[in-house]
Amino acid sequence: MLVRYFAAARSAAGVEEENHPLPEGTSLEALLEAALAVERPLPPEGTPTLARIVARSSFLRNEVAVRDRSAPLGAQDVIDVLPPFAGG
């Protein structure tokens, strides 16, 4: 499963994207737990931790919004982590 990070999530993760080889049917919650278990350098000063950002983020599964973190995923799914943002 490919996880792509955007904005502050990218800064906190230290990467734009990463693969997690989890089995078909893994939940979004389990995928997020796997992503948070990766050892990472500290984020830049002023950037919240990835865990804090993920807790407040929205997610896209193959470019479609997903709100149910217990939803089963396919092995080839792409998950986008979209932190909250302001502006207009």
Protein backbone atom coordinates (compact mmCIF):
# COMPACT_ATOMS: atom_id res chain seq x y z
CA MET A 1 0.00 0.00 0.00
CA LEU A 2 1.36 3.36 -0.99
CA VAL A 3 0.99 6.25 1.45
CA ARG A 4 1.49 9.76 0.07
CA TYR A 5 1.98 12.68 2.45
CA PHE A 6 1.00 16.26 1.72
CA ALA A 7 1.88 19.63 3.30
CA ALA A 8 2.72 19.37 7.04
CA ALA A 9 2.36 15.58 6.91
CA ARG A 10 5.17 15.48 4.34
CA SER A 11 7.38 17.61 6.58
CA ALA A 12 6.65 15.48 9.63
CA ALA A 13 7.13 12.18 7.77
CA GLY A 14 10.34 13.33 6.12
CA VAL A 15 9.28 11.71 2.83
CA GLU A 16 6.73 12.36 0.10
CA GLU A 17 5.57 8.76 -0.06
CA GLU A 18 6.34 5.29 1.22
CA ASN A 19 5.20 1.73 0.59
CA HIS A 20 3.88 -0.55 3.29
CA PRO A 21 3.64 -4.20 2.18
CA LEU A 22 0.55 -5.14 4.17
CA PRO A 23 -1.93 -7.88 3.25
CA GLU A 24 -5.14 -7.32 1.32
CA GLY A 25 -7.94 -6.39 3.72
CA THR A 26 -5.73 -4.44 6.12
CA SER A 27 -7.72 -1.56 7.59
CA LEU A 28 -6.83 2.07 7.11
CA GLU A 29 -6.26 2.25 10.88
CA ALA A 30 -3.73 -0.60 10.72
CA LEU A 31 -1.97 1.05 7.78
CA LEU A 32 -1.74 4.31 9.71
CA GLU A 33 -0.36 2.44 12.73
CA ALA A 34 2.29 0.88 10.49
CA ALA A 35 3.19 4.29 9.08
CA LEU A 36 3.47 5.78 12.56
CA ALA A 37 5.68 2.89 13.72
CA VAL A 38 8.39 3.85 11.21
CA GLU A 39 11.39 5.41 12.96
CA ARG A 40 11.77 8.95 11.65
CA PRO A 41 13.96 11.96 12.39
CA LEU A 42 12.37 14.77 14.36
CA PRO A 43 10.24 17.04 12.18
CA PRO A 44 11.43 20.60 11.49
CA GLU A 45 10.97 23.04 14.36
CA GLY A 46 7.38 24.22 14.56
CA THR A 47 6.04 21.14 12.74
CA PRO A 48 3.84 18.85 14.83
CA THR A 49 4.68 15.15 15.00
CA LEU A 50 3.31 12.87 12.33
CA ALA A 51 1.06 11.18 14.90
CA ARG A 52 -0.53 14.49 15.81
CA ILE A 53 -1.03 15.41 12.16
CA VAL A 54 -2.49 12.00 11.23
CA ALA A 55 -4.97 12.26 14.12
CA ARG A 56 -6.44 15.40 12.51
CA SER A 57 -6.03 14.52 8.84
CA SER A 58 -8.41 13.53 6.07
CA PHE A 59 -7.64 10.59 3.82
CA LEU A 60 -8.16 9.72 0.20
CA ARG A 61 -8.19 6.14 -1.03
CA ASN A 62 -7.42 6.06 -4.73
CA GLU A 63 -8.45 9.74 -4.88
CA VAL A 64 -11.82 9.17 -3.14
CA ALA A 65 -12.48 10.41 0.40
CA VAL A 66 -12.52 7.73 3.08
CA ARG A 67 -13.77 8.45 6.58
CA ASP A 68 -14.07 4.94 8.00
CA ARG A 69 -10.68 3.99 9.40
CA SER A 70 -11.84 0.38 9.77
CA ALA A 71 -12.40 0.12 6.00
CA PRO A 72 -10.44 -2.76 4.43
CA LEU A 73 -7.87 -1.76 1.84
CA GLY A 74 -6.52 -3.45 -1.24
CA ALA A 75 -2.83 -4.26 -1.53
CA GLN A 76 -2.45 -1.81 -4.44
CA ASP A 77 -4.43 1.07 -2.88
CA VAL A 78 -2.94 4.56 -2.68
CA ILE A 79 -3.72 6.49 0.50
CA ASP A 80 -3.23 10.25 0.60
CA VAL A 81 -2.77 11.91 3.99
CA LEU A 82 -4.23 15.42 3.86
CA PRO A 83 -3.64 17.50 6.98
CA PRO A 84 -6.04 20.29 7.86
CA PHE A 85 -5.29 23.55 6.15
CA ALA A 86 -6.63 27.08 6.13
CA GLY A 87 -6.74 29.71 3.48
CA GLY A 88 -8.87 30.82 0.70
